C-alpha cells in the first residue's frame, strides 16, 4: 500500500483446434510466460521464469461423457530451471495422457 513499484507478469497464448468430426479433435497451443521477478513462479535465476512453450494434443470422445487425451508439450526457458535425470536444463519435453469423465 502506498508503494509505486509494481512487478508485472504476463502470458500470451494462441490455441488452434481442428475437429474433423464429433469423435476426434486436434489442437495446438503456443504460449510465452514472462515473470522476471518470480512473483508467481520463483526460480531463483537471473531471468526469472521466462519460458516459451508449445503443445499438440489429440482428443478422442469415447462416449458422450468420456474423453481420452494424449498431449506432447515442450517448454524452453532462458535459464536452466527444469530438472532432468542428471542436471538442470533449459528445455523440457513430456508426453501425458488423461481420461476425463463428466456426469
C-alpha atoms as a PDB file:
ATOM      1  CA  UNK A   1       0.000   0.000   0.000  1.00  0.00           C
ATOM      2  CA  UNK A   2       1.342   3.390  -0.974  1.00  0.00           C
ATOM      3  CA  UNK A   3       4.212   1.899  -2.990  1.00  0.00           C
ATOM      4  CA  UNK A   4       4.575   2.822  -6.657  1.00  0.00           C
ATOM      5  CA  UNK A   5       6.822  -0.159  -7.507  1.00  0.00           C
ATOM      6  CA  UNK A   6       4.979  -2.989  -9.212  1.00  0.00           C
ATOM      7  CA  UNK A   7       6.005  -6.300 -10.710  1.00  0.00           C
ATOM      8  CA  UNK A   8       4.339  -7.306 -13.953  1.00  0.00           C
ATOM      9  CA  UNK A   9       3.913 -10.812 -15.323  1.00  0.00           C
ATOM     10  CA  UNK A  10       2.010 -11.907 -18.399  1.00  0.00           C
ATOM     11  CA  UNK A  11       1.207 -14.940 -20.536  1.00  0.00           C
ATOM     12  CA  UNK A  12       0.092 -14.521 -24.147  1.00  0.00           C
ATOM     13  CA  UNK A  13      -1.206 -17.750 -25.692  1.00  0.00           C
ATOM     14  CA  UNK A  14      -2.595 -18.890 -29.035  1.00  0.00           C
ATOM     15  CA  UNK A  15      -4.737 -22.038 -29.329  1.00  0.00           C
ATOM     16  CA  UNK A  16      -5.925 -23.628 -32.570  1.00  0.00           C
ATOM     17  CA  UNK A  17      -8.373 -26.526 -32.740  1.00  0.00           C
ATOM     18  CA  UNK A  18      -9.454 -28.764 -35.595  1.00  0.00           C
ATOM     19  CA  UNK A  19     -12.437 -31.118 -35.240  1.00  0.00           C
ATOM     20  CA  UNK A  20     -12.942 -33.321 -38.300  1.00  0.00           C
ATOM     21  CA  UNK A  21     -15.995 -34.920 -36.621  1.00  0.00           C
ATOM     22  CA  UNK A  22     -17.657 -35.234 -33.216  1.00  0.00           C
ATOM     23  CA  UNK A  23     -15.310 -38.021 -32.004  1.00  0.00           C
ATOM     24  CA  UNK A  24     -11.887 -36.619 -32.945  1.00  0.00           C
ATOM     25  CA  UNK A  25     -10.249 -33.290 -32.033  1.00  0.00           C
ATOM     26  CA  UNK A  26      -6.740 -31.983 -32.657  1.00  0.00           C
ATOM     27  CA  UNK A  27      -5.286 -28.869 -31.041  1.00  0.00           C
ATOM     28  CA  UNK A  28      -2.051 -26.871 -30.985  1.00  0.00           C
ATOM     29  CA  UNK A  29      -1.037 -24.284 -28.414  1.00  0.00           C
ATOM     30  CA  UNK A  30       1.813 -21.765 -28.267  1.00  0.00           C
ATOM     31  CA  UNK A  31       2.457 -19.646 -25.188  1.00  0.00           C
ATOM     32  CA  UNK A  32       5.040 -17.388 -23.610  1.00  0.00           C
ATOM     33  CA  UNK A  33       5.268 -16.868 -19.868  1.00  0.00           C
ATOM     34  CA  UNK A  34       7.131 -13.830 -18.525  1.00  0.00           C
ATOM     35  CA  UNK A  35       7.642 -13.499 -14.771  1.00  0.00           C
ATOM     36  CA  UNK A  36      11.085 -11.851 -14.476  1.00  0.00           C
ATOM     37  CA  UNK A  37      10.802 -11.125 -10.765  1.00  0.00           C
ATOM     38  CA  UNK A  38       9.434 -14.527  -9.694  1.00  0.00           C
ATOM     39  CA  UNK A  39       6.108 -13.243  -8.422  1.00  0.00           C
ATOM     40  CA  UNK A  40       4.136 -16.336  -9.490  1.00  0.00           C
ATOM     41  CA  UNK A  41       6.956 -18.823 -10.289  1.00  0.00           C
ATOM     42  CA  UNK A  42      10.087 -18.240  -8.219  1.00  0.00           C
ATOM     43  CA  UNK A  43      13.066 -19.854  -9.955  1.00  0.00           C
ATOM     44  CA  UNK A  44      15.862 -18.039  -8.141  1.00  0.00           C
ATOM     45  CA  UNK A  45      17.585 -17.417 -11.502  1.00  0.00           C
ATOM     46  CA  UNK A  46      18.748 -14.124 -13.066  1.00  0.00           C
ATOM     47  CA  UNK A  47      15.972 -14.074 -15.708  1.00  0.00           C
ATOM     48  CA  UNK A  48      13.173 -15.422 -13.530  1.00  0.00           C
ATOM     49  CA  UNK A  49      10.563 -17.556 -15.266  1.00  0.00           C
ATOM     50  CA  UNK A  50      10.699 -16.574 -18.958  1.00  0.00           C
ATOM     51  CA  UNK A  51       9.544 -19.615 -20.868  1.00  0.00           C
ATOM     52  CA  UNK A  52       8.200 -20.343 -24.349  1.00  0.00           C
ATOM     53  CA  UNK A  53       6.113 -23.455 -24.774  1.00  0.00           C
ATOM     54  CA  UNK A  54       4.125 -25.327 -27.361  1.00  0.00           C
ATOM     55  CA  UNK A  55       1.941 -28.402 -27.303  1.00  0.00           C
ATOM     56  CA  UNK A  56      -0.040 -30.658 -29.592  1.00  0.00           C
ATOM     57  CA  UNK A  57      -2.895 -32.838 -28.446  1.00  0.00           C
ATOM     58  CA  UNK A  58      -5.379 -35.370 -29.734  1.00  0.00           C
ATOM     59  CA  UNK A  59      -8.754 -35.920 -28.066  1.00  0.00           C
ATOM     60  CA  UNK A  60     -10.937 -38.961 -28.683  1.00  0.00           C
ATOM     61  CA  UNK A  61     -14.522 -38.913 -27.408  1.00  0.00           C
ATOM     62  CA  UNK A  62     -15.143 -42.484 -26.291  1.00  0.00           C
ATOM     63  CA  UNK A  63     -18.718 -41.669 -25.249  1.00  0.00           C
ATOM     64  CA  UNK A  64     -20.803 -38.518 -24.745  1.00  0.00           C
ATOM     65  CA  UNK A  65     -19.327 -38.116 -21.261  1.00  0.00           C
ATOM     66  CA  UNK A  66     -15.881 -39.766 -21.651  1.00  0.00           C
ATOM     67  CA  UNK A  67     -12.872 -38.222 -23.421  1.00  0.00           C
ATOM     68  CA  UNK A  68      -9.313 -39.537 -23.746  1.00  0.00           C
ATOM     69  CA  UNK A  69      -6.443 -37.100 -24.455  1.00  0.00           C
ATOM     70  CA  UNK A  70      -2.801 -37.546 -25.382  1.00  0.00           C
ATOM     71  CA  UNK A  71      -0.562 -34.485 -25.431  1.00  0.00           C
ATOM     72  CA  UNK A  72       3.061 -33.683 -26.237  1.00  0.00           C
ATOM     73  CA  UNK A  73       4.440 -30.499 -24.700  1.00  0.00           C
ATOM     74  CA  UNK A  74       7.739 -28.654 -24.914  1.00  0.00           C
ATOM     75  CA  UNK A  75       8.993 -25.827 -22.682  1.00  0.00           C
ATOM     76  CA  UNK A  76      12.094 -23.722 -23.388  1.00  0.00           C
ATOM     77  CA  UNK A  77      13.431 -21.257 -20.816  1.00  0.00           C
ATOM     78  CA  UNK A  78      16.132 -18.568 -20.734  1.00  0.00           C
ATOM     79  CA  UNK A  79      17.669 -20.243 -17.658  1.00  0.00           C
ATOM     80  CA  UNK A  80      18.228 -23.857 -16.601  1.00  0.00           C
ATOM     81  CA  UNK A  81      15.128 -24.232 -14.431  1.00  0.00           C
ATOM     82  CA  UNK A  82      13.952 -27.745 -15.381  1.00  0.00           C
ATOM     83  CA  UNK A  83      15.308 -30.770 -13.564  1.00  0.00           C
ATOM     84  CA  UNK A  84      16.359 -33.611 -15.861  1.00  0.00           C
ATOM     85  CA  UNK A  85      17.736 -37.026 -14.927  1.00  0.00           C
ATOM     86  CA  UNK A  86      21.184 -35.654 -14.177  1.00  0.00           C
ATOM     87  CA  UNK A  87      21.408 -31.873 -14.488  1.00  0.00           C
ATOM     88  CA  UNK A  88      19.309 -28.716 -14.649  1.00  0.00           C
ATOM     89  CA  UNK A  89      18.286 -27.888 -18.225  1.00  0.00           C
ATOM     90  CA  UNK A  90      16.676 -25.003 -20.097  1.00  0.00           C
ATOM     91  CA  UNK A  91      14.391 -27.396 -22.042  1.00  0.00           C
ATOM     92  CA  UNK A  92      11.691 -29.843 -21.021  1.00  0.00           C
ATOM     93  CA  UNK A  93       9.630 -32.195 -23.201  1.00  0.00           C
ATOM     94  CA  UNK A  94       6.987 -34.596 -21.973  1.00  0.00           C
ATOM     95  CA  UNK A  95       4.026 -36.635 -23.147  1.00  0.00           C
ATOM     96  CA  UNK A  96       0.940 -37.015 -20.987  1.00  0.00           C
ATOM     97  CA  UNK A  97      -2.368 -38.786 -21.267  1.00  0.00           C
ATOM     98  CA  UNK A  98      -5.637 -38.404 -19.381  1.00  0.00           C
ATOM     99  CA  UNK A  99      -9.154 -39.756 -19.236  1.00  0.00           C
ATOM    100  CA  UNK A 100     -11.929 -37.279 -18.392  1.00  0.00           C
ATOM    101  CA  UNK A 101     -15.387 -38.367 -17.276  1.00  0.00           C
ATOM    102  CA  UNK A 102     -18.241 -35.907 -16.824  1.00  0.00           C
ATOM    103  CA  UNK A 103     -21.538 -36.630 -15.104  1.00  0.00           C
END
